[in-house]
Amino acid sequence: MYKQNRLAKREDFNKVYRMGRSSANHQFVLYFRKIPDSPHLRVGVSVSKKVGNAVVRNRIRRLVKEIIRLHLERIEGKGDLIFIARKPAAGMDYEQIRKSLLHLLKKAGLLKKR
């Protein structure tokens, strides 16, 4: 993920949680806050210790960031996105996670049509 596309500060996460909207499926929860005058789309990923050990959590985090990086041009609008992984995400492979994330973005109305 490119540096300008990272959401890293706690205060930025809290703004998205407070003022944003959410959407969810069985594997992930998405919080999003559209900011029309923002120069970039910023993405944050949160994986709880309940999901698995450090190896599992980091694997999920890396996969989510890579999938979003590859589909960045398909995501509508500018603003902030936060993906929160749920327990079922731990047992999924790359393709299943990709389908789940794209489904979630489509459900939230953030995915452009091809």
PDB file of N, CA and C in Angstrom:
ATOM      1  N   MET A   1       0.855  -1.172   0.000  1.00  0.00           N
ATOM      2  CA  MET A   1       0.000   0.000   0.000  1.00  0.00           C
ATOM      3  C   MET A   1       0.899   1.232   0.000  1.00  0.00           C
ATOM      4  N   TYR A   2       0.557   2.194  -0.813  1.00  0.00           N
ATOM      5  CA  TYR A   2       1.340   3.417  -0.906  1.00  0.00           C
ATOM      6  C   TYR A   2       1.135   4.260   0.345  1.00  0.00           C
ATOM      7  N   LYS A   3       2.162   5.039   0.698  1.00  0.00           N
ATOM      8  CA  LYS A   3       2.120   5.796   1.943  1.00  0.00           C
ATOM      9  C   LYS A   3       0.942   6.770   1.993  1.00  0.00           C
ATOM     10  N   GLN A   4       0.630   7.427   0.884  1.00  0.00           N
ATOM     11  CA  GLN A   4      -0.474   8.396   0.885  1.00  0.00           C
ATOM     12  C   GLN A   4      -1.835   7.721   1.039  1.00  0.00           C
ATOM     13  N   ASN A   5      -1.880   6.396   0.881  1.00  0.00           N
ATOM     14  CA  ASN A   5      -3.132   5.661   1.014  1.00  0.00           C
ATOM     15  C   ASN A   5      -3.289   4.968   2.353  1.00  0.00           C
ATOM     16  N   ARG A   6      -2.408   5.258   3.316  1.00  0.00           N
ATOM     17  CA  ARG A   6      -2.487   4.618   4.623  1.00  0.00           C
ATOM     18  C   ARG A   6      -3.224   5.492   5.623  1.00  0.00           C
ATOM     19  N   LEU A   7      -4.043   4.851   6.405  1.00  0.00           N
ATOM     20  CA  LEU A   7      -4.718   5.500   7.527  1.00  0.00           C
ATOM     21  C   LEU A   7      -4.034   4.950   8.775  1.00  0.00           C
ATOM     22  N   ALA A   8      -3.320   5.813   9.522  1.00  0.00           N
ATOM     23  CA  ALA A   8      -2.484   5.281  10.589  1.00  0.00           C
ATOM     24  C   ALA A   8      -2.761   5.881  11.969  1.00  0.00           C
ATOM     25  N   LYS A   9      -3.191   7.125  12.036  1.00  0.00           N
ATOM     26  CA  LYS A   9      -3.331   7.785  13.334  1.00  0.00           C
ATOM     27  C   LYS A   9      -4.625   7.384  14.036  1.00  0.00           C
ATOM     28  N   ARG A  10      -4.531   7.234  15.328  1.00  0.00           N
ATOM     29  CA  ARG A  10      -5.685   6.862  16.144  1.00  0.00           C
ATOM     30  C   ARG A  10      -6.821   7.875  15.995  1.00  0.00           C
ATOM     31  N   GLU A  11      -6.495   9.145  15.934  1.00  0.00           N
ATOM     32  CA  GLU A  11      -7.531  10.177  15.812  1.00  0.00           C
ATOM     33  C   GLU A  11      -8.279  10.067  14.481  1.00  0.00           C
ATOM     34  N   ASP A  12      -7.569   9.663  13.427  1.00  0.00           N
ATOM     35  CA  ASP A  12      -8.230   9.471  12.133  1.00  0.00           C
ATOM     36  C   ASP A  12      -9.172   8.266  12.177  1.00  0.00           C
ATOM     37  N   PHE A  13      -8.731   7.178  12.830  1.00  0.00           N
ATOM     38  CA  PHE A  13      -9.595   6.014  12.994  1.00  0.00           C
ATOM     39  C   PHE A  13     -10.854   6.412  13.775  1.00  0.00           C
ATOM     40  N   ASN A  14     -10.676   7.161  14.861  1.00  0.00           N
ATOM     41  CA  ASN A  14     -11.821   7.558  15.684  1.00  0.00           C
ATOM     42  C   ASN A  14     -12.806   8.438  14.921  1.00  0.00           C
ATOM     43  N   LYS A  15     -12.308   9.320  14.051  1.00  0.00           N
ATOM     44  CA  LYS A  15     -13.200  10.150  13.230  1.00  0.00           C
ATOM     45  C   LYS A  15     -14.070   9.289  12.317  1.00  0.00           C
ATOM     46  N   VAL A  16     -13.446   8.274  11.719  1.00  0.00           N
ATOM     47  CA  VAL A  16     -14.197   7.393  10.817  1.00  0.00           C
ATOM     48  C   VAL A  16     -15.239   6.610  11.600  1.00  0.00           C
ATOM     49  N   TYR A  17     -14.856   6.102  12.781  1.00  0.00           N
ATOM     50  CA  TYR A  17     -15.814   5.358  13.602  1.00  0.00           C
ATOM     51  C   TYR A  17     -16.991   6.246  14.016  1.00  0.00           C
ATOM     52  N   ARG A  18     -16.708   7.495  14.417  1.00  0.00           N
ATOM     53  CA  ARG A  18     -17.759   8.400  14.912  1.00  0.00           C
ATOM     54  C   ARG A  18     -18.626   8.963  13.790  1.00  0.00           C
ATOM     55  N   MET A  19     -18.005   9.449  12.723  1.00  0.00           N
ATOM     56  CA  MET A  19     -18.744  10.192  11.701  1.00  0.00           C
ATOM     57  C   MET A  19     -18.997   9.406  10.420  1.00  0.00           C
ATOM     58  N   GLY A  20     -18.475   8.185  10.339  1.00  0.00           N
ATOM     59  CA  GLY A  20     -18.634   7.411   9.122  1.00  0.00           C
ATOM     60  C   GLY A  20     -19.836   6.489   9.158  1.00  0.00           C
ATOM     61  N   ARG A  21     -19.978   5.721   8.101  1.00  0.00           N
ATOM     62  CA  ARG A  21     -21.037   4.727   8.002  1.00  0.00           C
ATOM     63  C   ARG A  21     -20.391   3.352   7.983  1.00  0.00           C
ATOM     64  N   SER A  22     -21.191   2.315   8.169  1.00  0.00           N
ATOM     65  CA  SER A  22     -20.617   0.972   8.194  1.00  0.00           C
ATOM     66  C   SER A  22     -21.437   0.001   7.358  1.00  0.00           C
ATOM     67  N   SER A  23     -20.756  -1.070   6.991  1.00  0.00           N
ATOM     68  CA  SER A  23     -21.365  -2.164   6.254  1.00  0.00           C
ATOM     69  C   SER A  23     -20.595  -3.412   6.655  1.00  0.00           C
ATOM     70  N   ALA A  24     -21.244  -4.576   6.577  1.00  0.00           N
ATOM     71  CA  ALA A  24     -20.564  -5.781   7.050  1.00  0.00           C
ATOM     72  C   ALA A  24     -21.033  -7.022   6.289  1.00  0.00           C
ATOM     73  N   ASN A  25     -20.164  -8.026   6.279  1.00  0.00           N
ATOM     74  CA  ASN A  25     -20.539  -9.375   5.884  1.00  0.00           C
ATOM     75  C   ASN A  25     -19.969 -10.313   6.948  1.00  0.00           C
ATOM     76  N   HIS A  26     -19.955 -11.606   6.717  1.00  0.00           N
ATOM     77  CA  HIS A  26     -19.539 -12.550   7.755  1.00  0.00           C
ATOM     78  C   HIS A  26     -18.059 -12.440   8.109  1.00  0.00           C
ATOM     79  N   GLN A  27     -17.218 -12.020   7.160  1.00  0.00           N
ATOM     80  CA  GLN A  27     -15.786 -12.026   7.380  1.00  0.00           C
ATOM     81  C   GLN A  27     -15.199 -10.666   7.759  1.00  0.00           C
ATOM     82  N   PHE A  28     -15.822  -9.576   7.317  1.00  0.00           N
ATOM     83  CA  PHE A  28     -15.260  -8.241   7.534  1.00  0.00           C
ATOM     84  C   PHE A  28     -16.344  -7.229   7.872  1.00  0.00           C
ATOM     85  N   VAL A  29     -15.924  -6.165   8.544  1.00  0.00           N
ATOM     86  CA  VAL A  29     -16.758  -4.990   8.770  1.00  0.00           C
ATOM     87  C   VAL A  29     -16.037  -3.835   8.091  1.00  0.00           C
ATOM     88  N   LEU A  30     -16.770  -2.988   7.394  1.00  0.00           N
ATOM     89  CA  LEU A  30     -16.194  -1.838   6.714  1.00  0.00           C
ATOM     90  C   LEU A  30     -16.801  -0.570   7.290  1.00  0.00           C
ATOM     91  N   TYR A  31     -15.958   0.328   7.772  1.00  0.00           N
ATOM     92  CA  TYR A  31     -16.375   1.673   8.148  1.00  0.00           C
ATOM     93  C   TYR A  31     -15.832   2.600   7.075  1.00  0.00           C
ATOM     94  N   PHE A  32     -16.659   3.513   6.588  1.00  0.00           N
ATOM     95  CA  PHE A  32     -16.190   4.434   5.555  1.00  0.00           C
ATOM     96  C   PHE A  32     -16.732   5.828   5.796  1.00  0.00           C
ATOM     97  N   ARG A  33     -15.922   6.784   5.438  1.00  0.00           N
ATOM     98  CA  ARG A  33     -16.274   8.203   5.571  1.00  0.00           C
ATOM     99  C   ARG A  33     -15.822   8.891   4.292  1.00  0.00           C
ATOM    100  N   LYS A  34     -16.773   9.381   3.517  1.00  0.00           N
ATOM    101  CA  LYS A  34     -16.441  10.064   2.273  1.00  0.00           C
ATOM    102  C   LYS A  34     -16.025  11.503   2.577  1.00  0.00           C
ATOM    103  N   ILE A  35     -14.913  11.907   1.969  1.00  0.00           N
ATOM    104  CA  ILE A  35     -14.403  13.272   2.101  1.00  0.00           C
ATOM    105  C   ILE A  35     -14.140  13.762   0.676  1.00  0.00           C
ATOM    106  N   PRO A  36     -15.073  14.535   0.104  1.00  0.00           N
ATOM    107  CA  PRO A  36     -14.964  14.906  -1.317  1.00  0.00           C
ATOM    108  C   PRO A  36     -13.696  15.674  -1.682  1.00  0.00           C
ATOM    109  N   ASP A  37     -13.194  16.539  -0.797  1.00  0.00           N
ATOM    110  CA  ASP A  37     -12.026  17.349  -1.140  1.00  0.00           C
ATOM    111  C   ASP A  37     -10.704  16.701  -0.720  1.00  0.00           C
ATOM    112  N   SER A  38     -10.749  15.444  -0.321  1.00  0.00           N
ATOM    113  CA  SER A  38      -9.543  14.709   0.061  1.00  0.00           C
ATOM    114  C   SER A  38      -8.754  14.326  -1.189  1.00  0.00           C
ATOM    115  N   PRO A  39      -7.427  14.489  -1.175  1.00  0.00           N
ATOM    116  CA  PRO A  39      -6.644  14.154  -2.376  1.00  0.00           C
ATOM    117  C   PRO A  39      -6.493  12.647  -2.607  1.00  0.00           C
ATOM    118  N   HIS A  40      -6.625  11.838  -1.544  1.00  0.00           N
ATOM    119  CA  HIS A  40      -6.398  10.400  -1.672  1.00  0.00           C
ATOM    120  C   HIS A  40      -7.454   9.613  -0.909  1.00  0.00           C
ATOM    121  N   LEU A  41      -7.556   8.360  -1.280  1.00  0.00           N
ATOM    122  CA  LEU A  41      -8.346   7.407  -0.511  1.00  0.00           C
ATOM    123  C   LEU A  41      -7.386   6.779   0.494  1.00  0.00           C
ATOM    124  N   ARG A  42      -7.739   6.810   1.780  1.00  0.00           N
ATOM    125  CA  ARG A  42      -6.874   6.228   2.806  1.00  0.00           C
ATOM    126  C   ARG A  42      -7.554   4.998   3.390  1.00  0.00           C
ATOM    127  N   VAL A  43      -6.737   3.966   3.656  1.00  0.00           N
ATOM    128  CA  VAL A  43      -7.259   2.685   4.115  1.00  0.00           C
ATOM    129  C   VAL A  43      -6.529   2.256   5.381  1.00  0.00           C
ATOM    130  N   GLY A  44      -7.309   1.769   6.355  1.00  0.00           N
ATOM    131  CA  GLY A  44      -6.757   1.199   7.571  1.00  0.00           C
ATOM    132  C   GLY A  44      -7.312  -0.205   7.758  1.00  0.00           C
ATOM    133  N   VAL A  45      -6.531  -1.070   8.390  1.00  0.00           N
ATOM    134  CA  VAL A  45      -6.954  -2.449   8.622  1.00  0.00           C
ATOM    135  C   VAL A  45      -6.769  -2.756  10.100  1.00  0.00           C
ATOM    136  N   SER A  46      -7.789  -3.337  10.712  1.00  0.00           N
ATOM    137  CA  SER A  46      -7.731  -3.711  12.112  1.00  0.00           C
ATOM    138  C   SER A  46      -8.065  -5.191  12.241  1.00  0.00           C
ATOM    139  N   VAL A  47      -7.184  -5.916  12.949  1.00  0.00           N
ATOM    140  CA  VAL A  47      -7.409  -7.344  13.169  1.00  0.00           C
ATOM    141  C   VAL A  47      -7.207  -7.609  14.657  1.00  0.00           C
ATOM    142  N   SER A  48      -8.242  -8.027  15.330  1.00  0.00           N
ATOM    143  CA  SER A  48      -8.221  -8.255  16.772  1.00  0.00           C
ATOM    144  C   SER A  48      -7.439  -9.510  17.139  1.00  0.00           C
ATOM    145  N   LYS A  49      -6.984  -9.570  18.379  1.00  0.00           N
ATOM    146  CA  LYS A  49      -6.302 -10.767  18.874  1.00  0.00           C
ATOM    147  C   LYS A  49      -7.243 -11.964  18.925  1.00  0.00           C
ATOM    148  N   LYS A  50      -8.532 -11.715  18.925  1.00  0.00           N
ATOM    149  CA  LYS A  50      -9.510 -12.801  18.927  1.00  0.00           C
ATOM    150  C   LYS A  50      -9.468 -13.597  17.626  1.00  0.00           C
ATOM    151  N   VAL A  51      -8.968 -12.987  16.548  1.00  0.00           N
ATOM    152  CA  VAL A  51      -8.935 -13.635  15.238  1.00  0.00           C
ATOM    153  C   VAL A  51      -7.853 -14.706  15.182  1.00  0.00           C
ATOM    154  N   GLY A  52      -6.728 -14.470  15.838  1.00  0.00           N
ATOM    155  CA  GLY A  52      -5.656 -15.458  15.806  1.00  0.00           C
ATOM    156  C   GLY A  52      -4.374 -14.889  16.372  1.00  0.00           C
ATOM    157  N   ASN A  53      -3.295 -15.662  16.248  1.00  0.00           N
ATOM    158  CA  ASN A  53      -2.012 -15.178  16.757  1.00  0.00           C
ATOM    159  C   ASN A  53      -1.419 -14.137  15.808  1.00  0.00           C
ATOM    160  N   ALA A  54      -0.230 -13.637  16.116  1.00  0.00           N
ATOM    161  CA  ALA A  54       0.365 -12.546  15.344  1.00  0.00           C
ATOM    162  C   ALA A  54       0.591 -12.920  13.886  1.00  0.00           C
ATOM    163  N   VAL A  55       0.968 -14.149  13.631  1.00  0.00           N
ATOM    164  CA  VAL A  55       1.207 -14.596  12.262  1.00  0.00           C
ATOM    165  C   VAL A  55      -0.081 -14.521  11.450  1.00  0.00           C
ATOM    166  N   VAL A  56      -1.160 -15.000  12.005  1.00  0.00           N
ATOM    167  CA  VAL A  56      -2.459 -14.988  11.320  1.00  0.00           C
ATOM    168  C   VAL A  56      -2.941 -13.555  11.113  1.00  0.00           C
ATOM    169  N   ARG A  57      -2.840 -12.732  12.149  1.00  0.00           N
ATOM    170  CA  ARG A  57      -3.300 -11.336  12.051  1.00  0.00           C
ATOM    171  C   ARG A  57      -2.513 -10.565  10.989  1.00  0.00           C
ATOM    172  N   ASN A  58      -1.195 -10.727  10.970  1.00  0.00           N
ATOM    173  CA  ASN A  58      -0.376 -10.020   9.983  1.00  0.00           C
ATOM    174  C   ASN A  58      -0.636 -10.522   8.573  1.00  0.00           C
ATOM    175  N   ARG A  59      -0.900 -11.812   8.417  1.00  0.00           N
ATOM    176  CA  ARG A  59      -1.217 -12.368   7.096  1.00  0.00           C
ATOM    177  C   ARG A  59      -2.509 -11.746   6.560  1.00  0.00           C
ATOM    178  N   ILE A  60      -3.526 -11.672   7.405  1.00  0.00           N
ATOM    179  CA  ILE A  60      -4.798 -11.068   6.991  1.00  0.00           C
ATOM    180  C   ILE A  60      -4.587  -9.602   6.634  1.00  0.00           C
ATOM    181  N   ARG A  61      -3.848  -8.895   7.458  1.00  0.00           N
ATOM    182  CA  ARG A  61      -3.585  -7.472   7.216  1.00  0.00           C
ATOM    183  C   ARG A  61      -2.872  -7.270   5.878  1.00  0.00           C
ATOM    184  N   ARG A  62      -1.845  -8.079   5.609  1.00  0.00           N
ATOM    185  CA  ARG A  62      -1.108  -7.965   4.349  1.00  0.00           C
ATOM    186  C   ARG A  62      -1.992  -8.277   3.150  1.00  0.00           C
ATOM    187  N   LEU A  63      -2.808  -9.324   3.256  1.00  0.00           N
ATOM    188  CA  LEU A  63      -3.684  -9.695   2.144  1.00  0.00           C
ATOM    189  C   LEU A  63      -4.706  -8.599   1.856  1.00  0.00           C
ATOM    190  N   VAL A  64      -5.320  -8.050   2.906  1.00  0.00           N
ATOM    191  CA  VAL A  64      -6.322  -6.995   2.710  1.00  0.00           C
ATOM    192  C   VAL A  64      -5.684  -5.776   2.050  1.00  0.00           C
ATOM    193  N   LYS A  65      -4.520  -5.359   2.526  1.00  0.00           N
ATOM    194  CA  LYS A  65      -3.846  -4.194   1.943  1.00  0.00           C
ATOM    195  C   LYS A  65      -3.481  -4.426   0.484  1.00  0.00           C
ATOM    196  N   GLU A  66      -3.009  -5.619   0.157  1.00  0.00           N
ATOM    197  CA  GLU A  66      -2.638  -5.914  -1.227  1.00  0.00           C
ATOM    198  C   GLU A  66      -3.869  -5.950  -2.137  1.00  0.00           C
ATOM    199  N   ILE A  67      -4.931  -6.542  -1.686  1.00  0.00           N
ATOM    200  CA  ILE A  67      -6.160  -6.600  -2.488  1.00  0.00           C
ATOM    201  C   ILE A  67      -6.691  -5.194  -2.739  1.00  0.00           C
ATOM    202  N   ILE A  68      -6.695  -4.357  -1.716  1.00  0.00           N
ATOM    203  CA  ILE A  68      -7.163  -2.977  -1.889  1.00  0.00           C
ATOM    204  C   ILE A  68      -6.228  -2.214  -2.823  1.00  0.00           C
ATOM    205  N   ARG A  69      -4.920  -2.420  -2.697  1.00  0.00           N
ATOM    206  CA  ARG A  69      -3.958  -1.745  -3.577  1.00  0.00           C
ATOM    207  C   ARG A  69      -4.224  -2.101  -5.039  1.00  0.00           C
ATOM    208  N   LEU A  70      -4.517  -3.364  -5.302  1.00  0.00           N
ATOM    209  CA  LEU A  70      -4.757  -3.803  -6.673  1.00  0.00           C
ATOM    210  C   LEU A  70      -6.091  -3.293  -7.230  1.00  0.00           C
ATOM    211  N   HIS A  71      -7.049  -2.994  -6.361  1.00  0.00           N
ATOM    212  CA  HIS A  71      -8.374  -2.545  -6.802  1.00  0.00           C
ATOM    213  C   HIS A  71      -8.634  -1.078  -6.463  1.00  0.00           C
ATOM    214  N   LEU A  72      -7.578  -0.324  -6.178  1.00  0.00           N
ATOM    215  CA  LEU A  72      -7.723   1.067  -5.752  1.00  0.00           C
ATOM    216  C   LEU A  72      -8.466   1.932  -6.771  1.00  0.00           C
ATOM    217  N   GLU A  73      -8.209   1.715  -8.060  1.00  0.00           N
ATOM    218  CA  GLU A  73      -8.853   2.533  -9.085  1.00  0.00           C
ATOM    219  C   GLU A  73     -10.339   2.215  -9.237  1.00  0.00           C
ATOM    220  N   ARG A  74     -10.785   1.070  -8.731  1.00  0.00           N
ATOM    221  CA  ARG A  74     -12.205   0.691  -8.813  1.00  0.00           C
ATOM    222  C   ARG A  74     -13.031   1.230  -7.663  1.00  0.00           C
ATOM    223  N   ILE A  75     -12.397   1.769  -6.626  1.00  0.00           N
ATOM    224  CA  ILE A  75     -13.118   2.264  -5.461  1.00  0.00           C
ATOM    225  C   ILE A  75     -13.522   3.708  -5.714  1.00  0.00           C
ATOM    226  N   GLU A  76     -14.814   3.980  -5.565  1.00  0.00           N
ATOM    227  CA  GLU A  76     -15.372   5.305  -5.835  1.00  0.00           C
ATOM    228  C   GLU A  76     -15.089   6.284  -4.725  1.00  0.00           C
ATOM    229  N   GLY A  77     -14.885   7.530  -5.122  1.00  0.00           N
ATOM    230  CA  GLY A  77     -14.799   8.610  -4.157  1.00  0.00           C
ATOM    231  C   GLY A  77     -13.493   8.642  -3.391  1.00  0.00           C
ATOM    232  N   LYS A  78     -13.338   9.701  -2.640  1.00  0.00           N
ATOM    233  CA  LYS A  78     -12.169   9.892  -1.797  1.00  0.00           C
ATOM    234  C   LYS A  78     -12.628   9.920  -0.354  1.00  0.00           C
ATOM    235  N   GLY A  79     -11.746   9.517   0.535  1.00  0.00           N
ATOM    236  CA  GLY A  79     -12.093   9.509   1.944  1.00  0.00           C
ATOM    237  C   GLY A  79     -11.312   8.443   2.679  1.00  0.00           C
ATOM    238  N   ASP A  80     -11.890   7.936   3.749  1.00  0.00           N
ATOM    239  CA  ASP A  80     -11.224   6.969   4.607  1.00  0.00           C
ATOM    240  C   ASP A  80     -12.030   5.678   4.700  1.00  0.00           C
ATOM    241  N   LEU A  81     -11.335   4.550   4.661  1.00  0.00           N
ATOM    242  CA  LEU A  81     -11.947   3.234   4.819  1.00  0.00           C
ATOM    243  C   LEU A  81     -11.220   2.496   5.937  1.00  0.00           C
ATOM    244  N   ILE A  82     -11.964   1.768   6.755  1.00  0.00           N
ATOM    245  CA  ILE A  82     -11.367   0.895   7.760  1.00  0.00           C
ATOM    246  C   ILE A  82     -11.999  -0.482   7.609  1.00  0.00           C
ATOM    247  N   PHE A  83     -11.141  -1.486   7.436  1.00  0.00           N
ATOM    248  CA  PHE A  83     -11.595  -2.867   7.371  1.00  0.00           C
ATOM    249  C   PHE A  83     -11.268  -3.532   8.697  1.00  0.00           C
ATOM    250  N   ILE A  84     -12.260  -4.170   9.300  1.00  0.00           N
ATOM    251  CA  ILE A  84     -12.062  -4.915  10.541  1.00  0.00           C
ATOM    252  C   ILE A  84     -12.332  -6.380  10.236  1.00  0.00           C
ATOM    253  N   ALA A  85     -11.329  -7.217  10.484  1.00  0.00           N
ATOM    254  CA  ALA A  85     -11.458  -8.649  10.192  1.00  0.00           C
ATOM    255  C   ALA A  85     -12.184  -9.350  11.329  1.00  0.00           C
ATOM    256  N   ARG A  86     -13.040 -10.289  10.965  1.00  0.00           N
ATOM    257  CA  ARG A  86     -13.727 -11.146  11.932  1.00  0.00           C
ATOM    258  C   ARG A  86     -13.078 -12.531  11.902  1.00  0.00           C
ATOM    259  N   LYS A  87     -13.438 -13.380  12.862  1.00  0.00           N
ATOM    260  CA  LYS A  87     -12.814 -14.706  13.001  1.00  0.00           C
ATOM    261  C   LYS A  87     -12.825 -15.559  11.733  1.00  0.00           C
ATOM    262  N   PRO A  88     -13.926 -15.614  10.973  1.00  0.00           N
ATOM    263  CA  PRO A  88     -13.917 -16.482   9.780  1.00  0.00           C
ATOM    264  C   PRO A  88     -12.855 -16.111   8.744  1.00  0.00           C
ATOM    265  N   ALA A  89     -12.346 -14.882   8.777  1.00  0.00           N
ATOM    266  CA  ALA A  89     -11.332 -14.462   7.812  1.00  0.00           C
ATOM    267  C   ALA A  89     -10.020 -15.213   8.003  1.00  0.00           C
ATOM    268  N   ALA A  90      -9.783 -15.730   9.194  1.00  0.00           N
ATOM    269  CA  ALA A  90      -8.521 -16.417   9.482  1.00  0.00           C
ATOM    270  C   ALA A  90      -8.338 -17.684   8.655  1.00  0.00           C
ATOM    271  N   GLY A  91      -9.405 -18.364   8.324  1.00  0.00           N
ATOM    272  CA  GLY A  91      -9.307 -19.616   7.591  1.00  0.00           C
ATOM    273  C   GLY A  91      -9.445 -19.479   6.087  1.00  0.00           C
ATOM    274  N   MET A  92      -9.441 -18.255   5.582  1.00  0.00           N
ATOM    275  CA  MET A  92      -9.688 -18.036   4.164  1.00  0.00           C
ATOM    276  C   MET A  92      -8.387 -17.860   3.393  1.00  0.00           C
ATOM    277  N   ASP A  93      -8.417 -18.228   2.101  1.00  0.00           N
ATOM    278  CA  ASP A  93      -7.257 -17.996   1.249  1.00  0.00           C
ATOM    279  C   ASP A  93      -7.431 -16.662   0.518  1.00  0.00           C
ATOM    280  N   TYR A  94      -6.442 -16.325  -0.311  1.00  0.00           N
ATOM    281  CA  TYR A  94      -6.418 -15.033  -0.990  1.00  0.00           C
ATOM    282  C   TYR A  94      -7.691 -14.780  -1.802  1.00  0.00           C
ATOM    283  N   GLU A  95      -8.092 -15.738  -2.611  1.00  0.00           N
ATOM    284  CA  GLU A  95      -9.239 -15.551  -3.509  1.00  0.00           C
ATOM    285  C   GLU A  95     -10.538 -15.358  -2.726  1.00  0.00           C
ATOM    286  N   GLN A  96     -10.706 -16.091  -1.647  1.00  0.00           N
ATOM    287  CA  GLN A  96     -11.910 -15.937  -0.824  1.00  0.00           C
ATOM    288  C   GLN A  96     -11.943 -14.560  -0.156  1.00  0.00           C
ATOM    289  N   ILE A  97     -10.800 -14.104   0.331  1.00  0.00           N
ATOM    290  CA  ILE A  97     -10.738 -12.771   0.946  1.00  0.00           C
ATOM    291  C   ILE A  97     -11.019 -11.701  -0.098  1.00  0.00           C
ATOM    292  N   ARG A  98     -10.466 -11.859  -1.304  1.00  0.00           N
ATOM    293  CA  ARG A  98     -10.700 -10.889  -2.379  1.00  0.00           C
ATOM    294  C   ARG A  98     -12.190 -10.777  -2.702  1.00  0.00           C
ATOM    295  N   LYS A  99     -12.838 -11.917  -2.855  1.00  0.00           N
ATOM    296  CA  LYS A  99     -14.273 -11.912  -3.158  1.00  0.00           C
ATOM    297  C   LYS A  99     -15.072 -11.267  -2.028  1.00  0.00           C
ATOM    298  N   SER A 100     -14.704 -11.566  -0.798  1.00  0.00           N
ATOM    299  CA  SER A 100     -15.407 -11.016   0.360  1.00  0.00           C
ATOM    300  C   SER A 100     -15.256  -9.493   0.431  1.00  0.00           C
ATOM    301  N   LEU A 101     -14.032  -8.996   0.204  1.00  0.00           N
ATOM    302  CA  LEU A 101     -13.804  -7.548   0.254  1.00  0.00           C
ATOM    303  C   LEU A 101     -14.529  -6.824  -0.880  1.00  0.00           C
ATOM    304  N   LEU A 102     -14.478  -7.373  -2.080  1.00  0.00           N
ATOM    305  CA  LEU A 102     -15.172  -6.738  -3.204  1.00  0.00           C
ATOM    306  C   LEU A 102     -16.683  -6.758  -2.992  1.00  0.00           C
ATOM    307  N   HIS A 103     -17.195  -7.843  -2.429  1.00  0.00           N
ATOM    308  CA  HIS A 103     -18.621  -7.911  -2.102  1.00  0.00           C
ATOM    309  C   HIS A 103     -18.990  -6.833  -1.094  1.00  0.00           C
ATOM    310  N   LEU A 104     -18.142  -6.652  -0.093  1.00  0.00           N
ATOM    311  CA  LEU A 104     -18.399  -5.650   0.943  1.00  0.00           C
ATOM    312  C   LEU A 104     -18.358  -4.232   0.372  1.00  0.00           C
ATOM    313  N   LEU A 105     -17.396  -3.955  -0.496  1.00  0.00           N
ATOM    314  CA  LEU A 105     -17.321  -2.632  -1.132  1.00  0.00           C
ATOM    315  C   LEU A 105     -18.531  -2.379  -2.023  1.00  0.00           C
ATOM    316  N   LYS A 106     -18.972  -3.416  -2.735  1.00  0.00           N
ATOM    317  CA  LYS A 106     -20.154  -3.294  -3.592  1.00  0.00           C
ATOM    318  C   LYS A 106     -21.400  -3.046  -2.746  1.00  0.00           C
ATOM    319  N   LYS A 107     -21.505  -3.773  -1.634  1.00  0.00           N
ATOM    320  CA  LYS A 107     -22.643  -3.627  -0.728  1.00  0.00           C
ATOM    321  C   LYS A 107     -22.707  -2.214  -0.140  1.00  0.00           C
ATOM    322  N   ALA A 108     -21.545  -1.622   0.110  1.00  0.00           N
ATOM    323  CA  ALA A 108     -21.477  -0.267   0.663  1.00  0.00           C
ATOM    324  C   ALA A 108     -21.651   0.807  -0.418  1.00  0.00           C
ATOM    325  N   GLY A 109     -21.684   0.397  -1.683  1.00  0.00           N
ATOM    326  CA  GLY A 109     -21.852   1.361  -2.773  1.00  0.00           C
ATOM    327  C   GLY A 109     -20.571   2.097  -3.111  1.00  0.00           C
ATOM    328  N   LEU A 110     -19.424   1.509  -2.836  1.00  0.00           N
ATOM    329  CA  LEU A 110     -18.143   2.164  -3.061  1.00  0.00           C
ATOM    330  C   LEU A 110     -17.380   1.588  -4.250  1.00  0.00           C
ATOM    331  N   LEU A 111     -17.927   0.601  -4.936  1.00  0.00           N
ATOM    332  CA  LEU A 111     -17.219  -0.054  -6.025  1.00  0.00           C
ATOM    333  C   LEU A 111     -17.778   0.417  -7.359  1.00  0.00           C
ATOM    334  N   LYS A 112     -16.878   0.895  -8.231  1.00  0.00           N
ATOM    335  CA  LYS A 112     -17.286   1.319  -9.562  1.00  0.00           C
ATOM    336  C   LYS A 112     -17.582   0.100 -10.418  1.00  0.00           C
ATOM    337  N   LYS A 113     -18.483   0.283 -11.361  1.00  0.00           N
ATOM    338  CA  LYS A 113     -18.757  -0.789 -12.319  1.00  0.00           C
ATOM    339  C   LYS A 113     -17.631  -0.799 -13.346  1.00  0.00           C
ATOM    340  N   ARG A 114     -17.319  -1.978 -13.864  1.00  0.00           N
ATOM    341  CA  ARG A 114     -16.227  -2.088 -14.832  1.00  0.00           C
ATOM    342  C   ARG A 114     -16.600  -1.500 -16.160  1.00  0.00           C
TER     343      ARG A 114
END
